[in-house]
């Protein structure tokens, strides 16, 4: 099993097709995803995705310059 240890599923261009992206990755053998936030405004979405998807974990944080 593969784990994607650093993905940004809430980024524009991905979030709109998030379910299909996750499905394709799962079909390719990815069994877990660490979904990274880069700013406080993303925290709720990142945690929400982890709550909704059993194989997605949330990482909430900010870059030091923000």
PDB file of N, CA and C in Angstrom:
ATOM      1  N   UNK A   1       0.838  -1.181   0.000  1.00  0.00           N
ATOM      2  CA  UNK A   1       0.000   0.000   0.000  1.00  0.00           C
ATOM      3  C   UNK A   1       0.884   1.245   0.000  1.00  0.00           C
ATOM      4  N   UNK A   2       0.486   2.226  -0.755  1.00  0.00           N
ATOM      5  CA  UNK A   2       1.179   3.514  -0.811  1.00  0.00           C
ATOM      6  C   UNK A   2       0.411   4.542   0.008  1.00  0.00           C
ATOM      7  N   UNK A   3       1.146   5.486   0.592  1.00  0.00           N
ATOM      8  CA  UNK A   3       0.560   6.617   1.311  1.00  0.00           C
ATOM      9  C   UNK A   3       1.068   7.890   0.650  1.00  0.00           C
ATOM     10  N   UNK A   4       0.155   8.778   0.282  1.00  0.00           N
ATOM     11  CA  UNK A   4       0.550  10.104  -0.207  1.00  0.00           C
ATOM     12  C   UNK A   4       0.759  10.961   1.034  1.00  0.00           C
ATOM     13  N   UNK A   5       2.004  11.217   1.363  1.00  0.00           N
ATOM     14  CA  UNK A   5       2.335  11.874   2.625  1.00  0.00           C
ATOM     15  C   UNK A   5       2.310  13.397   2.556  1.00  0.00           C
ATOM     16  N   UNK A   6       1.919  13.957   1.415  1.00  0.00           N
ATOM     17  CA  UNK A   6       1.881  15.421   1.317  1.00  0.00           C
ATOM     18  C   UNK A   6       1.038  15.822   0.107  1.00  0.00           C
ATOM     19  N   UNK A   7      -0.250  16.011   0.333  1.00  0.00           N
ATOM     20  CA  UNK A   7      -1.116  16.465  -0.758  1.00  0.00           C
ATOM     21  C   UNK A   7      -1.927  17.673  -0.304  1.00  0.00           C
ATOM     22  N   UNK A   8      -2.444  18.401  -1.256  1.00  0.00           N
ATOM     23  CA  UNK A   8      -3.226  19.618  -1.007  1.00  0.00           C
ATOM     24  C   UNK A   8      -4.562  19.483  -1.731  1.00  0.00           C
ATOM     25  N   UNK A   9      -5.462  18.708  -1.164  1.00  0.00           N
ATOM     26  CA  UNK A   9      -6.732  18.400  -1.816  1.00  0.00           C
ATOM     27  C   UNK A   9      -7.695  19.580  -1.856  1.00  0.00           C
ATOM     28  N   UNK A  10      -7.409  20.633  -1.126  1.00  0.00           N
ATOM     29  CA  UNK A  10      -8.272  21.813  -1.120  1.00  0.00           C
ATOM     30  C   UNK A  10      -7.818  22.903  -2.090  1.00  0.00           C
ATOM     31  N   UNK A  11      -6.717  22.693  -2.772  1.00  0.00           N
ATOM     32  CA  UNK A  11      -6.233  23.710  -3.708  1.00  0.00           C
ATOM     33  C   UNK A  11      -7.193  23.875  -4.882  1.00  0.00           C
ATOM     34  N   UNK A  12      -7.302  25.109  -5.358  1.00  0.00           N
ATOM     35  CA  UNK A  12      -8.116  25.392  -6.541  1.00  0.00           C
ATOM     36  C   UNK A  12      -7.619  24.529  -7.700  1.00  0.00           C
ATOM     37  N   UNK A  13      -8.548  23.953  -8.425  1.00  0.00           N
ATOM     38  CA  UNK A  13      -8.191  23.054  -9.507  1.00  0.00           C
ATOM     39  C   UNK A  13      -8.211  21.596  -9.071  1.00  0.00           C
ATOM     40  N   UNK A  14      -8.125  21.349  -7.777  1.00  0.00           N
ATOM     41  CA  UNK A  14      -8.228  19.991  -7.238  1.00  0.00           C
ATOM     42  C   UNK A  14      -9.527  19.801  -6.466  1.00  0.00           C
ATOM     43  N   UNK A  15      -9.866  20.781  -5.653  1.00  0.00           N
ATOM     44  CA  UNK A  15     -11.040  20.643  -4.788  1.00  0.00           C
ATOM     45  C   UNK A  15     -12.315  20.435  -5.599  1.00  0.00           C
ATOM     46  N   UNK A  16     -12.371  21.023  -6.781  1.00  0.00           N
ATOM     47  CA  UNK A  16     -13.563  20.897  -7.620  1.00  0.00           C
ATOM     48  C   UNK A  16     -13.764  19.463  -8.115  1.00  0.00           C
ATOM     49  N   UNK A  17     -12.698  18.688  -8.176  1.00  0.00           N
ATOM     50  CA  UNK A  17     -12.741  17.315  -8.690  1.00  0.00           C
ATOM     51  C   UNK A  17     -12.190  16.334  -7.652  1.00  0.00           C
ATOM     52  N   UNK A  18     -12.290  16.719  -6.386  1.00  0.00           N
ATOM     53  CA  UNK A  18     -11.644  15.979  -5.310  1.00  0.00           C
ATOM     54  C   UNK A  18     -12.062  14.504  -5.250  1.00  0.00           C
ATOM     55  N   UNK A  19     -13.349  14.218  -5.354  1.00  0.00           N
ATOM     56  CA  UNK A  19     -13.823  12.832  -5.253  1.00  0.00           C
ATOM     57  C   UNK A  19     -13.221  11.964  -6.356  1.00  0.00           C
ATOM     58  N   UNK A  20     -13.203  12.470  -7.570  1.00  0.00           N
ATOM     59  CA  UNK A  20     -12.648  11.708  -8.695  1.00  0.00           C
ATOM     60  C   UNK A  20     -11.138  11.532  -8.544  1.00  0.00           C
ATOM     61  N   UNK A  21     -10.458  12.554  -8.053  1.00  0.00           N
ATOM     62  CA  UNK A  21      -9.006  12.469  -7.835  1.00  0.00           C
ATOM     63  C   UNK A  21      -8.695  11.389  -6.804  1.00  0.00           C
ATOM     64  N   UNK A  22      -9.437  11.389  -5.705  1.00  0.00           N
ATOM     65  CA  UNK A  22      -9.230  10.368  -4.679  1.00  0.00           C
ATOM     66  C   UNK A  22      -9.534   8.973  -5.223  1.00  0.00           C
ATOM     67  N   UNK A  23     -10.607   8.842  -5.974  1.00  0.00           N
ATOM     68  CA  UNK A  23     -10.955   7.538  -6.557  1.00  0.00           C
ATOM     69  C   UNK A  23      -9.849   7.017  -7.469  1.00  0.00           C
ATOM     70  N   UNK A  24      -9.308   7.888  -8.329  1.00  0.00           N
ATOM     71  CA  UNK A  24      -8.229   7.459  -9.240  1.00  0.00           C
ATOM     72  C   UNK A  24      -6.984   7.041  -8.461  1.00  0.00           C
ATOM     73  N   UNK A  25      -6.659   7.792  -7.428  1.00  0.00           N
ATOM     74  CA  UNK A  25      -5.488   7.450  -6.616  1.00  0.00           C
ATOM     75  C   UNK A  25      -5.697   6.115  -5.905  1.00  0.00           C
ATOM     76  N   UNK A  26      -6.876   5.908  -5.374  1.00  0.00           N
ATOM     77  CA  UNK A  26      -7.176   4.631  -4.704  1.00  0.00           C
ATOM     78  C   UNK A  26      -7.066   3.470  -5.678  1.00  0.00           C
ATOM     79  N   UNK A  27      -7.610   3.647  -6.874  1.00  0.00           N
ATOM     80  CA  UNK A  27      -7.536   2.600  -7.901  1.00  0.00           C
ATOM     81  C   UNK A  27      -6.089   2.289  -8.280  1.00  0.00           C
ATOM     82  N   UNK A  28      -5.208   3.283  -8.150  1.00  0.00           N
ATOM     83  CA  UNK A  28      -3.788   3.096  -8.465  1.00  0.00           C
ATOM     84  C   UNK A  28      -3.005   2.523  -7.282  1.00  0.00           C
ATOM     85  N   UNK A  29      -3.688   2.266  -6.150  1.00  0.00           N
ATOM     86  CA  UNK A  29      -3.030   1.638  -5.018  1.00  0.00           C
ATOM     87  C   UNK A  29      -2.676   2.546  -3.861  1.00  0.00           C
ATOM     88  N   UNK A  30      -3.103   3.798  -3.906  1.00  0.00           N
ATOM     89  CA  UNK A  30      -2.842   4.706  -2.786  1.00  0.00           C
ATOM     90  C   UNK A  30      -3.889   4.417  -1.711  1.00  0.00           C
ATOM     91  N   UNK A  31      -3.420   4.100  -0.514  1.00  0.00           N
ATOM     92  CA  UNK A  31      -4.321   3.699   0.560  1.00  0.00           C
ATOM     93  C   UNK A  31      -4.503   4.727   1.650  1.00  0.00           C
ATOM     94  N   UNK A  32      -3.814   5.847   1.562  1.00  0.00           N
ATOM     95  CA  UNK A  32      -3.950   6.899   2.559  1.00  0.00           C
ATOM     96  C   UNK A  32      -3.375   8.200   2.039  1.00  0.00           C
ATOM     97  N   UNK A  33      -3.883   9.290   2.599  1.00  0.00           N
ATOM     98  CA  UNK A  33      -3.510  10.628   2.134  1.00  0.00           C
ATOM     99  C   UNK A  33      -3.336  11.543   3.339  1.00  0.00           C
ATOM    100  N   UNK A  34      -2.216  12.251   3.409  1.00  0.00           N
ATOM    101  CA  UNK A  34      -2.029  13.290   4.417  1.00  0.00           C
ATOM    102  C   UNK A  34      -2.268  14.620   3.720  1.00  0.00           C
ATOM    103  N   UNK A  35      -3.415  15.212   4.008  1.00  0.00           N
ATOM    104  CA  UNK A  35      -3.870  16.438   3.359  1.00  0.00           C
ATOM    105  C   UNK A  35      -3.360  17.636   4.155  1.00  0.00           C
ATOM    106  N   UNK A  36      -2.530  18.440   3.546  1.00  0.00           N
ATOM    107  CA  UNK A  36      -1.802  19.520   4.209  1.00  0.00           C
ATOM    108  C   UNK A  36      -2.504  20.860   4.004  1.00  0.00           C
ATOM    109  N   UNK A  37      -2.616  21.628   5.086  1.00  0.00           N
ATOM    110  CA  UNK A  37      -3.077  23.014   4.951  1.00  0.00           C
ATOM    111  C   UNK A  37      -1.867  23.931   5.038  1.00  0.00           C
ATOM    112  N   UNK A  38      -1.974  25.081   4.406  1.00  0.00           N
ATOM    113  CA  UNK A  38      -0.873  26.043   4.434  1.00  0.00           C
ATOM    114  C   UNK A  38      -1.279  27.373   5.046  1.00  0.00           C
ATOM    115  N   UNK A  39      -2.561  27.517   5.345  1.00  0.00           N
ATOM    116  CA  UNK A  39      -3.044  28.755   5.970  1.00  0.00           C
ATOM    117  C   UNK A  39      -4.287  28.446   6.797  1.00  0.00           C
ATOM    118  N   UNK A  40      -4.532  29.275   7.771  1.00  0.00           N
ATOM    119  CA  UNK A  40      -5.648  29.054   8.694  1.00  0.00           C
ATOM    120  C   UNK A  40      -6.993  28.968   7.976  1.00  0.00           C
ATOM    121  N   UNK A  41      -7.146  29.699   6.906  1.00  0.00           N
ATOM    122  CA  UNK A  41      -8.418  29.700   6.177  1.00  0.00           C
ATOM    123  C   UNK A  41      -8.751  28.333   5.566  1.00  0.00           C
ATOM    124  N   UNK A  42      -7.782  27.435   5.468  1.00  0.00           N
ATOM    125  CA  UNK A  42      -8.002  26.094   4.906  1.00  0.00           C
ATOM    126  C   UNK A  42      -8.324  25.045   5.967  1.00  0.00           C
ATOM    127  N   UNK A  43      -8.109  25.347   7.231  1.00  0.00           N
ATOM    128  CA  UNK A  43      -8.210  24.339   8.282  1.00  0.00           C
ATOM    129  C   UNK A  43      -9.547  23.614   8.284  1.00  0.00           C
ATOM    130  N   UNK A  44     -10.637  24.361   8.232  1.00  0.00           N
ATOM    131  CA  UNK A  44     -11.970  23.755   8.311  1.00  0.00           C
ATOM    132  C   UNK A  44     -12.186  22.772   7.154  1.00  0.00           C
ATOM    133  N   UNK A  45     -11.787  23.164   5.949  1.00  0.00           N
ATOM    134  CA  UNK A  45     -11.948  22.283   4.788  1.00  0.00           C
ATOM    135  C   UNK A  45     -11.083  21.034   4.905  1.00  0.00           C
ATOM    136  N   UNK A  46      -9.837  21.199   5.313  1.00  0.00           N
ATOM    137  CA  UNK A  46      -8.912  20.068   5.423  1.00  0.00           C
ATOM    138  C   UNK A  46      -9.423  19.064   6.464  1.00  0.00           C
ATOM    139  N   UNK A  47      -9.866  19.562   7.598  1.00  0.00           N
ATOM    140  CA  UNK A  47     -10.409  18.685   8.638  1.00  0.00           C
ATOM    141  C   UNK A  47     -11.712  18.046   8.158  1.00  0.00           C
ATOM    142  N   UNK A  48     -12.545  18.811   7.467  1.00  0.00           N
ATOM    143  CA  UNK A  48     -13.795  18.268   6.936  1.00  0.00           C
ATOM    144  C   UNK A  48     -13.566  17.123   5.965  1.00  0.00           C
ATOM    145  N   UNK A  49     -12.571  17.258   5.113  1.00  0.00           N
ATOM    146  CA  UNK A  49     -12.245  16.183   4.178  1.00  0.00           C
ATOM    147  C   UNK A  49     -11.799  14.941   4.942  1.00  0.00           C
ATOM    148  N   UNK A  50     -10.992  15.117   5.975  1.00  0.00           N
ATOM    149  CA  UNK A  50     -10.531  13.980   6.780  1.00  0.00           C
ATOM    150  C   UNK A  50     -11.692  13.312   7.511  1.00  0.00           C
ATOM    151  N   UNK A  51     -12.642  14.089   7.973  1.00  0.00           N
ATOM    152  CA  UNK A  51     -13.804  13.515   8.651  1.00  0.00           C
ATOM    153  C   UNK A  51     -14.692  12.739   7.674  1.00  0.00           C
ATOM    154  N   UNK A  52     -14.768  13.196   6.464  1.00  0.00           N
ATOM    155  CA  UNK A  52     -15.625  12.589   5.438  1.00  0.00           C
ATOM    156  C   UNK A  52     -14.983  11.362   4.791  1.00  0.00           C
ATOM    157  N   UNK A  53     -13.669  11.387   4.627  1.00  0.00           N
ATOM    158  CA  UNK A  53     -12.940  10.324   3.925  1.00  0.00           C
ATOM    159  C   UNK A  53     -12.089   9.555   4.933  1.00  0.00           C
ATOM    160  N   UNK A  54     -12.380   8.287   5.133  1.00  0.00           N
ATOM    161  CA  UNK A  54     -11.701   7.497   6.155  1.00  0.00           C
ATOM    162  C   UNK A  54     -10.213   7.282   5.937  1.00  0.00           C
ATOM    163  N   UNK A  55      -9.741   7.480   4.724  1.00  0.00           N
ATOM    164  CA  UNK A  55      -8.322   7.260   4.430  1.00  0.00           C
ATOM    165  C   UNK A  55      -7.556   8.568   4.220  1.00  0.00           C
ATOM    166  N   UNK A  56      -8.155   9.682   4.630  1.00  0.00           N
ATOM    167  CA  UNK A  56      -7.506  10.995   4.531  1.00  0.00           C
ATOM    168  C   UNK A  56      -7.285  11.522   5.945  1.00  0.00           C
ATOM    169  N   UNK A  57      -6.061  11.952   6.234  1.00  0.00           N
ATOM    170  CA  UNK A  57      -5.721  12.568   7.509  1.00  0.00           C
ATOM    171  C   UNK A  57      -5.419  14.040   7.269  1.00  0.00           C
ATOM    172  N   UNK A  58      -5.687  14.857   8.284  1.00  0.00           N
ATOM    173  CA  UNK A  58      -5.500  16.304   8.172  1.00  0.00           C
ATOM    174  C   UNK A  58      -4.223  16.747   8.874  1.00  0.00           C
ATOM    175  N   UNK A  59      -3.552  17.700   8.265  1.00  0.00           N
ATOM    176  CA  UNK A  59      -2.433  18.393   8.892  1.00  0.00           C
ATOM    177  C   UNK A  59      -2.747  19.880   8.821  1.00  0.00           C
ATOM    178  N   UNK A  60      -2.945  20.503   9.991  1.00  0.00           N
ATOM    179  CA  UNK A  60      -3.273  21.926   9.992  1.00  0.00           C
ATOM    180  C   UNK A  60      -2.068  22.715  10.473  1.00  0.00           C
ATOM    181  N   UNK A  61      -1.752  23.748   9.744  1.00  0.00           N
ATOM    182  CA  UNK A  61      -0.610  24.575  10.083  1.00  0.00           C
ATOM    183  C   UNK A  61      -0.570  25.801   9.199  1.00  0.00           C
ATOM    184  N   UNK A  62       0.424  26.613   9.427  1.00  0.00           N
ATOM    185  CA  UNK A  62       0.624  27.808   8.609  1.00  0.00           C
ATOM    186  C   UNK A  62       2.109  27.934   8.308  1.00  0.00           C
ATOM    187  N   UNK A  63       2.416  28.617   7.230  1.00  0.00           N
ATOM    188  CA  UNK A  63       3.806  28.936   6.937  1.00  0.00           C
ATOM    189  C   UNK A  63       4.252  30.035   7.901  1.00  0.00           C
ATOM    190  N   UNK A  64       5.495  30.016   8.336  1.00  0.00           N
ATOM    191  CA  UNK A  64       5.973  30.993   9.320  1.00  0.00           C
ATOM    192  C   UNK A  64       5.814  32.449   8.887  1.00  0.00           C
ATOM    193  N   UNK A  65       5.805  32.709   7.600  1.00  0.00           N
ATOM    194  CA  UNK A  65       5.706  34.093   7.140  1.00  0.00           C
ATOM    195  C   UNK A  65       4.268  34.597   7.114  1.00  0.00           C
ATOM    196  N   UNK A  66       3.302  33.767   7.469  1.00  0.00           N
ATOM    197  CA  UNK A  66       1.901  34.207   7.441  1.00  0.00           C
ATOM    198  C   UNK A  66       1.370  34.398   8.841  1.00  0.00           C
TER     199      UNK A  66
END
